[in-house]
Amino acid sequence: MSYVALVTLLLLVQYMFFTLQAGLARGKDTVVAPATSGDEMYERKSRVQINTLEQLAVTLPAMWVCAHYFRADVAALLGLVFFISRFAYSALYIKNPKSRAPGFIPGFFSNVALVLCAAFGVISQII
């Protein structure tokens, strides 16, 4: 479970990094709060941050349920795949939003695998 905890911390630090990037992209006078649009680079970095948050709502609970009811090593590995794919997604999306798929797809499928493994583990305990 220590590896799952480590991956969880990595994901949280990564999210904080994306949040900082979005905040800094606002610039001093470029996109004045509470506005959420105007500068294209800010909008891209903000979208990376928001999309990551949306995905973490699946990743974190699924990873912990998978670790508890299925296998902690599998949960940590899939969480790490998600972590790496988020950096790829961020780099690709900021460069060109239309090229984000190679970064998004591995993370999405790692979430699918986490949910399936977690469900298998929970159902196995019930049956």
C-alpha atoms as a PDB file:
ATOM      1  CA  MET A   1       0.000   0.000   0.000  1.00  0.00           C
ATOM      2  CA  SER A   2       2.991   2.305   0.386  1.00  0.00           C
ATOM      3  CA  TYR A   3       3.379   2.498  -3.386  1.00  0.00           C
ATOM      4  CA  VAL A   4      -0.278   3.431  -3.767  1.00  0.00           C
ATOM      5  CA  ALA A   5       0.207   6.181  -1.191  1.00  0.00           C
ATOM      6  CA  LEU A   6       3.305   7.392  -3.050  1.00  0.00           C
ATOM      7  CA  VAL A   7       1.468   7.469  -6.390  1.00  0.00           C
ATOM      8  CA  THR A   8      -1.402   9.324  -4.692  1.00  0.00           C
ATOM      9  CA  LEU A   9       1.028  11.974  -3.472  1.00  0.00           C
ATOM     10  CA  LEU A  10       2.606  12.219  -6.923  1.00  0.00           C
ATOM     11  CA  LEU A  11      -0.832  12.760  -8.458  1.00  0.00           C
ATOM     12  CA  LEU A  12      -1.678  15.458  -5.935  1.00  0.00           C
ATOM     13  CA  VAL A  13       1.608  17.283  -6.507  1.00  0.00           C
ATOM     14  CA  GLN A  14       1.080  16.996 -10.259  1.00  0.00           C
ATOM     15  CA  TYR A  15      -2.392  18.498  -9.925  1.00  0.00           C
ATOM     16  CA  MET A  16      -0.990  21.337  -7.806  1.00  0.00           C
ATOM     17  CA  PHE A  17       1.629  21.932 -10.524  1.00  0.00           C
ATOM     18  CA  PHE A  18      -1.065  22.122 -13.211  1.00  0.00           C
ATOM     19  CA  THR A  19      -3.059  24.492 -11.005  1.00  0.00           C
ATOM     20  CA  LEU A  20       0.000  26.724 -10.584  1.00  0.00           C
ATOM     21  CA  GLN A  21       0.611  26.689 -14.339  1.00  0.00           C
ATOM     22  CA  ALA A  22      -2.964  27.809 -14.985  1.00  0.00           C
ATOM     23  CA  GLY A  23      -2.736  30.509 -12.367  1.00  0.00           C
ATOM     24  CA  LEU A  24       0.541  31.865 -13.717  1.00  0.00           C
ATOM     25  CA  ALA A  25      -0.849  31.802 -17.256  1.00  0.00           C
ATOM     26  CA  ARG A  26      -3.463  34.337 -16.222  1.00  0.00           C
ATOM     27  CA  GLY A  27      -0.657  36.869 -16.258  1.00  0.00           C
ATOM     28  CA  LYS A  28      -0.823  40.155 -14.452  1.00  0.00           C
ATOM     29  CA  ASP A  29      -3.485  41.706 -16.652  1.00  0.00           C
ATOM     30  CA  THR A  30      -4.152  39.059 -19.322  1.00  0.00           C
ATOM     31  CA  VAL A  31      -7.124  37.234 -17.781  1.00  0.00           C
ATOM     32  CA  VAL A  32      -8.379  39.079 -14.734  1.00  0.00           C
ATOM     33  CA  ALA A  33     -10.297  36.942 -12.222  1.00  0.00           C
ATOM     34  CA  PRO A  34     -13.089  35.914 -12.247  1.00  0.00           C
ATOM     35  CA  ALA A  35     -12.820  35.716 -16.045  1.00  0.00           C
ATOM     36  CA  THR A  36     -11.986  32.265 -17.394  1.00  0.00           C
ATOM     37  CA  SER A  37     -11.393  33.101 -21.033  1.00  0.00           C
ATOM     38  CA  GLY A  38      -9.521  35.511 -23.211  1.00  0.00           C
ATOM     39  CA  ASP A  39      -5.931  34.331 -23.576  1.00  0.00           C
ATOM     40  CA  GLU A  40      -5.578  31.091 -25.542  1.00  0.00           C
ATOM     41  CA  MET A  41      -2.563  29.813 -23.577  1.00  0.00           C
ATOM     42  CA  TYR A  42      -4.356  30.423 -20.274  1.00  0.00           C
ATOM     43  CA  GLU A  43      -7.419  28.573 -21.572  1.00  0.00           C
ATOM     44  CA  ARG A  44      -5.292  25.576 -22.599  1.00  0.00           C
ATOM     45  CA  LYS A  45      -3.491  25.377 -19.252  1.00  0.00           C
ATOM     46  CA  SER A  46      -6.744  25.873 -17.393  1.00  0.00           C
ATOM     47  CA  ARG A  47      -8.334  23.075 -19.392  1.00  0.00           C
ATOM     48  CA  VAL A  48      -5.448  20.729 -18.529  1.00  0.00           C
ATOM     49  CA  GLN A  49      -5.950  21.548 -14.856  1.00  0.00           C
ATOM     50  CA  ILE A  50      -9.725  21.075 -14.977  1.00  0.00           C
ATOM     51  CA  ASN A  51      -9.549  17.887 -17.037  1.00  0.00           C
ATOM     52  CA  THR A  52      -7.000  16.449 -14.613  1.00  0.00           C
ATOM     53  CA  LEU A  53      -9.304  17.215 -11.699  1.00  0.00           C
ATOM     54  CA  GLU A  54     -12.192  15.532 -13.516  1.00  0.00           C
ATOM     55  CA  GLN A  55     -10.083  12.424 -14.117  1.00  0.00           C
ATOM     56  CA  LEU A  56      -8.765  12.337 -10.534  1.00  0.00           C
ATOM     57  CA  ALA A  57     -12.353  11.940  -9.328  1.00  0.00           C
ATOM     58  CA  VAL A  58     -12.184   8.462 -10.901  1.00  0.00           C
ATOM     59  CA  THR A  59      -8.492   7.646 -10.508  1.00  0.00           C
ATOM     60  CA  LEU A  60      -7.978   8.166  -6.785  1.00  0.00           C
ATOM     61  CA  PRO A  61     -10.940   6.225  -5.380  1.00  0.00           C
ATOM     62  CA  ALA A  62     -10.589   3.467  -7.988  1.00  0.00           C
ATOM     63  CA  MET A  63      -6.885   3.125  -7.227  1.00  0.00           C
ATOM     64  CA  TRP A  64      -7.488   2.744  -3.486  1.00  0.00           C
ATOM     65  CA  VAL A  65     -10.395   0.309  -3.902  1.00  0.00           C
ATOM     66  CA  CYS A  66      -8.291  -1.687  -6.377  1.00  0.00           C
ATOM     67  CA  ALA A  67      -5.387  -1.727  -3.904  1.00  0.00           C
ATOM     68  CA  HIS A  68      -7.563  -2.851  -1.006  1.00  0.00           C
ATOM     69  CA  TYR A  69      -9.719  -5.463  -2.722  1.00  0.00           C
ATOM     70  CA  PHE A  70      -7.580  -6.591  -5.672  1.00  0.00           C
ATOM     71  CA  ARG A  71      -3.814  -5.930  -5.684  1.00  0.00           C
ATOM     72  CA  ALA A  72      -1.852  -2.939  -4.431  1.00  0.00           C
ATOM     73  CA  ASP A  73       0.964  -3.411  -6.961  1.00  0.00           C
ATOM     74  CA  VAL A  74      -1.480  -3.361  -9.872  1.00  0.00           C
ATOM     75  CA  ALA A  75      -3.206  -0.277  -8.449  1.00  0.00           C
ATOM     76  CA  ALA A  76       0.103   1.568  -8.040  1.00  0.00           C
ATOM     77  CA  LEU A  77       1.277   0.634 -11.538  1.00  0.00           C
ATOM     78  CA  LEU A  78      -1.969   1.752 -13.178  1.00  0.00           C
ATOM     79  CA  GLY A  79      -1.891   4.957 -11.143  1.00  0.00           C
ATOM     80  CA  LEU A  80       1.657   5.569 -12.357  1.00  0.00           C
ATOM     81  CA  VAL A  81       0.548   5.058 -15.968  1.00  0.00           C
ATOM     82  CA  PHE A  82      -2.149   7.667 -15.370  1.00  0.00           C
ATOM     83  CA  PHE A  83       0.427  10.037 -13.807  1.00  0.00           C
ATOM     84  CA  ILE A  84       2.804   9.759 -16.776  1.00  0.00           C
ATOM     85  CA  SER A  85      -0.009  10.090 -19.296  1.00  0.00           C
ATOM     86  CA  ARG A  86      -1.161  13.328 -17.648  1.00  0.00           C
ATOM     87  CA  PHE A  87       2.215  14.944 -18.324  1.00  0.00           C
ATOM     88  CA  ALA A  88       2.003  13.798 -21.948  1.00  0.00           C
ATOM     89  CA  TYR A  89      -1.576  15.084 -22.169  1.00  0.00           C
ATOM     90  CA  SER A  90      -0.526  18.438 -20.732  1.00  0.00           C
ATOM     91  CA  ALA A  91       2.430  18.892 -23.075  1.00  0.00           C
ATOM     92  CA  LEU A  92       0.448  17.861 -26.140  1.00  0.00           C
ATOM     93  CA  TYR A  93      -2.664  19.860 -25.255  1.00  0.00           C
ATOM     94  CA  ILE A  94      -0.724  23.047 -24.549  1.00  0.00           C
ATOM     95  CA  LYS A  95       1.142  22.681 -27.856  1.00  0.00           C
ATOM     96  CA  ASN A  96      -1.966  21.840 -29.898  1.00  0.00           C
ATOM     97  CA  PRO A  97      -5.325  20.848 -28.345  1.00  0.00           C
ATOM     98  CA  LYS A  98      -6.127  18.617 -31.322  1.00  0.00           C
ATOM     99  CA  SER A  99      -3.070  16.453 -30.587  1.00  0.00           C
ATOM    100  CA  ARG A 100      -4.060  15.506 -27.018  1.00  0.00           C
ATOM    101  CA  ALA A 101      -5.238  11.926 -27.704  1.00  0.00           C
ATOM    102  CA  PRO A 102      -1.852  10.178 -27.263  1.00  0.00           C
ATOM    103  CA  GLY A 103      -1.680  11.636 -23.756  1.00  0.00           C
ATOM    104  CA  PHE A 104      -5.330  11.135 -22.896  1.00  0.00           C
ATOM    105  CA  ILE A 105      -5.889   7.559 -24.080  1.00  0.00           C
ATOM    106  CA  PRO A 106      -3.387   5.736 -21.796  1.00  0.00           C
ATOM    107  CA  GLY A 107      -4.740   7.596 -18.755  1.00  0.00           C
ATOM    108  CA  PHE A 108      -8.313   6.849 -19.700  1.00  0.00           C
ATOM    109  CA  PHE A 109      -7.607   3.148 -20.129  1.00  0.00           C
ATOM    110  CA  SER A 110      -5.657   3.007 -16.882  1.00  0.00           C
ATOM    111  CA  ASN A 111      -8.799   4.383 -15.209  1.00  0.00           C
ATOM    112  CA  VAL A 112     -10.922   1.751 -16.942  1.00  0.00           C
ATOM    113  CA  ALA A 113      -8.538  -0.963 -15.729  1.00  0.00           C
ATOM    114  CA  LEU A 114      -8.543   0.444 -12.184  1.00  0.00           C
ATOM    115  CA  VAL A 115     -12.344   0.433 -12.060  1.00  0.00           C
ATOM    116  CA  LEU A 116     -12.563  -3.090 -13.504  1.00  0.00           C
ATOM    117  CA  CYS A 117      -9.933  -4.492 -11.121  1.00  0.00           C
ATOM    118  CA  ALA A 118     -11.581  -2.727  -8.179  1.00  0.00           C
ATOM    119  CA  ALA A 119     -15.001  -4.092  -9.163  1.00  0.00           C
ATOM    120  CA  PHE A 120     -13.592  -7.593  -9.595  1.00  0.00           C
ATOM    121  CA  GLY A 121     -11.955  -7.413  -6.182  1.00  0.00           C
ATOM    122  CA  VAL A 122     -15.053  -6.127  -4.419  1.00  0.00           C
ATOM    123  CA  ILE A 123     -17.378  -8.632  -6.109  1.00  0.00           C
ATOM    124  CA  SER A 124     -14.954 -11.469  -5.263  1.00  0.00           C
ATOM    125  CA  GLN A 125     -15.169 -10.494  -1.591  1.00  0.00           C
ATOM    126  CA  ILE A 126     -18.977 -10.451  -1.682  1.00  0.00           C
ATOM    127  CA  ILE A 127     -19.409 -13.778  -3.452  1.00  0.00           C
END
